[in-house]
């Protein structure tokens, strides 16, 4: 879903953006969106996990976990469903 975003920029930057946009045949809004998509990709791995997730990280490492059917069977046996 697209939303409208208003940007305030220096007039020289706007002129450059307009010229650059025409040169590469891409709307300024798409250039800005692509930039933020790339920025998000680069920074998503750098963001620290919340404390509660850090505590859980790796707790199943080295442990054989049951598959989905086994988990369902265990659940129904425990809860009598």
N, C-alpha and C. Protein backbone atom coordinates (compact mmCIF):
# COMPACT_ATOMS: atom_id res chain seq x y z
N UNK A 1 0.84 -1.18 0.00
CA UNK A 1 0.00 0.00 0.00
C UNK A 1 0.89 1.24 0.00
N UNK A 2 0.63 2.12 -0.89
CA UNK A 2 1.40 3.36 -0.99
C UNK A 2 0.80 4.44 -0.11
N UNK A 3 1.67 5.26 0.43
CA UNK A 3 1.25 6.41 1.22
C UNK A 3 1.97 7.64 0.69
N UNK A 4 1.44 8.77 1.00
CA UNK A 4 2.05 10.03 0.58
C UNK A 4 3.00 10.51 1.66
N UNK A 5 4.19 10.93 1.24
CA UNK A 5 5.20 11.46 2.14
C UNK A 5 5.67 12.79 1.58
N UNK A 6 5.65 13.81 2.39
CA UNK A 6 6.12 15.13 1.97
C UNK A 6 7.52 15.34 2.51
N UNK A 7 8.44 15.72 1.63
CA UNK A 7 9.82 15.98 2.03
C UNK A 7 10.13 17.45 1.86
N UNK A 8 10.84 18.01 2.82
CA UNK A 8 11.35 19.37 2.70
C UNK A 8 12.84 19.28 2.45
N UNK A 9 13.29 19.82 1.31
CA UNK A 9 14.71 19.75 0.96
C UNK A 9 15.16 21.09 0.40
N UNK A 10 16.45 21.29 0.47
CA UNK A 10 17.07 22.46 -0.12
C UNK A 10 16.73 22.52 -1.61
N UNK A 11 16.50 23.70 -2.13
CA UNK A 11 16.08 23.85 -3.53
C UNK A 11 17.11 23.28 -4.51
N UNK A 12 18.39 23.39 -4.18
CA UNK A 12 19.43 22.83 -5.05
C UNK A 12 19.35 21.30 -5.09
N UNK A 13 19.03 20.70 -3.96
CA UNK A 13 18.88 19.24 -3.91
C UNK A 13 17.66 18.83 -4.73
N UNK A 14 16.59 19.59 -4.65
CA UNK A 14 15.39 19.30 -5.43
C UNK A 14 15.70 19.39 -6.92
N UNK A 15 16.44 20.40 -7.32
CA UNK A 15 16.82 20.54 -8.74
C UNK A 15 17.66 19.34 -9.19
N UNK A 16 18.62 18.97 -8.36
CA UNK A 16 19.46 17.82 -8.70
C UNK A 16 18.60 16.56 -8.79
N UNK A 17 17.72 16.35 -7.81
CA UNK A 17 16.87 15.16 -7.80
C UNK A 17 16.00 15.09 -9.06
N UNK A 18 15.48 16.23 -9.45
CA UNK A 18 14.64 16.28 -10.64
C UNK A 18 15.44 15.93 -11.90
N UNK A 19 16.62 16.51 -12.03
CA UNK A 19 17.49 16.23 -13.18
C UNK A 19 17.91 14.76 -13.18
N UNK A 20 18.33 14.27 -12.04
CA UNK A 20 18.77 12.88 -11.92
C UNK A 20 17.61 11.93 -12.24
N UNK A 21 16.44 12.24 -11.74
CA UNK A 21 15.25 11.43 -11.97
C UNK A 21 14.96 11.30 -13.47
N UNK A 22 15.03 12.41 -14.17
CA UNK A 22 14.79 12.39 -15.62
C UNK A 22 15.88 11.60 -16.34
N UNK A 23 17.10 11.76 -15.88
CA UNK A 23 18.24 11.09 -16.52
C UNK A 23 18.12 9.56 -16.43
N UNK A 24 17.67 9.05 -15.28
CA UNK A 24 17.58 7.59 -15.13
C UNK A 24 16.15 7.09 -15.36
N UNK A 25 15.26 8.00 -15.71
CA UNK A 25 13.86 7.65 -16.03
C UNK A 25 13.18 6.91 -14.87
N UNK A 26 13.33 7.49 -13.69
CA UNK A 26 12.71 6.91 -12.50
C UNK A 26 12.18 8.05 -11.64
N UNK A 27 10.94 7.95 -11.14
CA UNK A 27 10.40 9.02 -10.30
C UNK A 27 11.23 9.21 -9.02
N UNK A 28 11.26 10.44 -8.57
CA UNK A 28 12.01 10.76 -7.35
C UNK A 28 11.51 9.91 -6.18
N UNK A 29 10.21 9.72 -6.10
CA UNK A 29 9.66 8.93 -5.00
C UNK A 29 10.20 7.50 -5.03
N UNK A 30 10.38 6.94 -6.21
CA UNK A 30 10.92 5.57 -6.31
C UNK A 30 12.40 5.54 -5.92
N UNK A 31 13.13 6.58 -6.28
CA UNK A 31 14.55 6.66 -5.90
C UNK A 31 14.68 6.69 -4.39
N UNK A 32 13.85 7.51 -3.75
CA UNK A 32 13.88 7.63 -2.29
C UNK A 32 13.45 6.31 -1.65
N UNK A 33 12.40 5.70 -2.18
CA UNK A 33 11.92 4.42 -1.65
C UNK A 33 13.00 3.34 -1.78
N UNK A 34 13.64 3.25 -2.94
CA UNK A 34 14.71 2.27 -3.15
C UNK A 34 15.85 2.48 -2.17
N UNK A 35 16.17 3.75 -1.91
CA UNK A 35 17.24 4.06 -0.97
C UNK A 35 16.90 3.52 0.43
N UNK A 36 15.67 3.77 0.87
CA UNK A 36 15.28 3.32 2.20
C UNK A 36 15.16 1.80 2.28
N UNK A 37 14.76 1.16 1.20
CA UNK A 37 14.72 -0.30 1.17
C UNK A 37 16.12 -0.86 1.37
N UNK A 38 17.09 -0.31 0.66
CA UNK A 38 18.49 -0.76 0.80
C UNK A 38 19.02 -0.47 2.19
N UNK A 39 18.70 0.70 2.71
CA UNK A 39 19.13 1.07 4.06
C UNK A 39 18.56 0.09 5.09
N UNK A 40 17.31 -0.27 4.91
CA UNK A 40 16.66 -1.22 5.82
C UNK A 40 17.34 -2.57 5.75
N UNK A 41 17.67 -3.04 4.55
CA UNK A 41 18.36 -4.32 4.39
C UNK A 41 19.71 -4.31 5.09
N UNK A 42 20.46 -3.25 4.92
CA UNK A 42 21.79 -3.16 5.51
C UNK A 42 21.74 -3.08 7.02
N UNK A 43 20.75 -2.41 7.56
CA UNK A 43 20.69 -2.17 9.01
C UNK A 43 19.91 -3.22 9.77
N UNK A 44 19.15 -4.06 9.10
CA UNK A 44 18.33 -5.02 9.83
C UNK A 44 19.18 -6.02 10.60
N UNK A 45 20.35 -6.38 10.08
CA UNK A 45 21.22 -7.31 10.78
C UNK A 45 21.99 -6.64 11.91
N UNK A 46 22.10 -5.34 11.85
CA UNK A 46 22.87 -4.61 12.85
C UNK A 46 22.05 -4.25 14.10
N UNK A 47 20.74 -4.36 13.98
CA UNK A 47 19.90 -3.97 15.11
C UNK A 47 19.98 -5.02 16.21
N UNK A 48 20.15 -4.61 17.44
CA UNK A 48 20.24 -5.59 18.53
C UNK A 48 18.88 -6.24 18.78
N UNK A 49 18.91 -7.50 19.17
CA UNK A 49 17.67 -8.19 19.54
C UNK A 49 17.19 -7.67 20.88
N UNK A 50 15.88 -7.62 21.08
CA UNK A 50 15.37 -7.26 22.40
C UNK A 50 15.88 -8.27 23.44
N UNK A 51 15.99 -7.84 24.68
CA UNK A 51 16.57 -8.66 25.75
C UNK A 51 15.90 -10.03 25.86
N UNK A 52 14.56 -10.06 25.79
CA UNK A 52 13.87 -11.35 25.93
C UNK A 52 14.21 -12.31 24.80
N UNK A 53 14.47 -11.79 23.59
CA UNK A 53 14.88 -12.66 22.49
C UNK A 53 16.33 -13.06 22.62
N UNK A 54 17.17 -12.19 23.14
CA UNK A 54 18.57 -12.54 23.34
C UNK A 54 18.68 -13.72 24.30
N UNK A 55 17.82 -13.74 25.32
CA UNK A 55 17.84 -14.84 26.29
C UNK A 55 17.42 -16.16 25.66
N UNK A 56 16.54 -16.11 24.66
CA UNK A 56 16.06 -17.32 24.01
C UNK A 56 16.96 -17.78 22.87
N UNK A 57 17.75 -16.88 22.35
CA UNK A 57 18.58 -17.19 21.19
C UNK A 57 19.49 -18.38 21.46
N UNK A 58 19.34 -19.42 20.62
CA UNK A 58 20.22 -20.58 20.70
C UNK A 58 19.84 -21.64 21.71
N UNK A 59 18.69 -21.52 22.38
CA UNK A 59 18.37 -22.50 23.42
C UNK A 59 18.10 -23.89 22.85
N UNK A 60 17.73 -23.99 21.59
CA UNK A 60 17.47 -25.29 20.99
C UNK A 60 18.67 -25.83 20.22
N UNK A 61 19.75 -25.12 20.25
CA UNK A 61 20.93 -25.54 19.52
C UNK A 61 21.43 -26.88 20.06
N UNK A 62 21.64 -27.83 19.15
CA UNK A 62 22.14 -29.15 19.54
C UNK A 62 21.09 -30.09 20.09
N UNK A 63 19.84 -29.66 20.10
CA UNK A 63 18.75 -30.49 20.62
C UNK A 63 17.88 -30.93 19.44
N UNK A 64 17.57 -32.23 19.38
CA UNK A 64 16.66 -32.69 18.35
C UNK A 64 15.25 -32.26 18.72
N UNK A 65 14.62 -31.51 17.84
CA UNK A 65 13.26 -31.06 18.11
C UNK A 65 12.29 -31.93 17.32
N UNK A 66 11.15 -32.25 17.90
CA UNK A 66 10.18 -33.09 17.21
C UNK A 66 9.57 -32.36 16.01
N UNK A 67 9.12 -33.13 15.03
CA UNK A 67 8.47 -32.49 13.89
C UNK A 67 7.04 -32.10 14.27
N UNK A 68 6.36 -31.45 13.33
CA UNK A 68 5.03 -30.91 13.60
C UNK A 68 4.04 -32.00 14.01
N UNK A 69 4.05 -33.15 13.34
CA UNK A 69 3.11 -34.22 13.68
C UNK A 69 3.36 -34.73 15.10
N UNK A 70 4.63 -34.88 15.47
CA UNK A 70 4.95 -35.35 16.82
C UNK A 70 4.50 -34.34 17.87
N UNK A 71 4.68 -33.05 17.58
CA UNK A 71 4.25 -32.01 18.52
C UNK A 71 2.74 -32.04 18.70
N UNK A 72 2.00 -32.19 17.60
CA UNK A 72 0.54 -32.25 17.70
C UNK A 72 0.11 -33.45 18.55
N UNK A 73 0.73 -34.61 18.29
CA UNK A 73 0.40 -35.81 19.04
C UNK A 73 0.65 -35.60 20.53
N UNK A 74 1.80 -35.01 20.86
CA UNK A 74 2.14 -34.75 22.26
C UNK A 74 1.12 -33.80 22.89
N UNK A 75 0.72 -32.77 22.15
CA UNK A 75 -0.24 -31.80 22.65
C UNK A 75 -1.57 -32.48 22.96
N UNK A 76 -2.06 -33.29 21.99
CA UNK A 76 -3.37 -33.92 22.16
C UNK A 76 -3.34 -34.97 23.28
N UNK A 77 -2.21 -35.64 23.44
CA UNK A 77 -2.09 -36.60 24.53
C UNK A 77 -2.14 -35.89 25.88
N UNK A 78 -1.50 -34.75 25.93
CA UNK A 78 -1.43 -33.99 27.20
C UNK A 78 -2.77 -33.36 27.55
N UNK A 79 -3.46 -32.84 26.53
CA UNK A 79 -4.70 -32.09 26.78
C UNK A 79 -5.95 -32.89 26.52
N UNK A 80 -5.80 -34.16 26.10
CA UNK A 80 -6.97 -35.02 25.91
C UNK A 80 -7.88 -34.63 24.79
N UNK A 81 -7.38 -33.92 23.79
CA UNK A 81 -8.23 -33.51 22.65
C UNK A 81 -8.30 -34.59 21.61
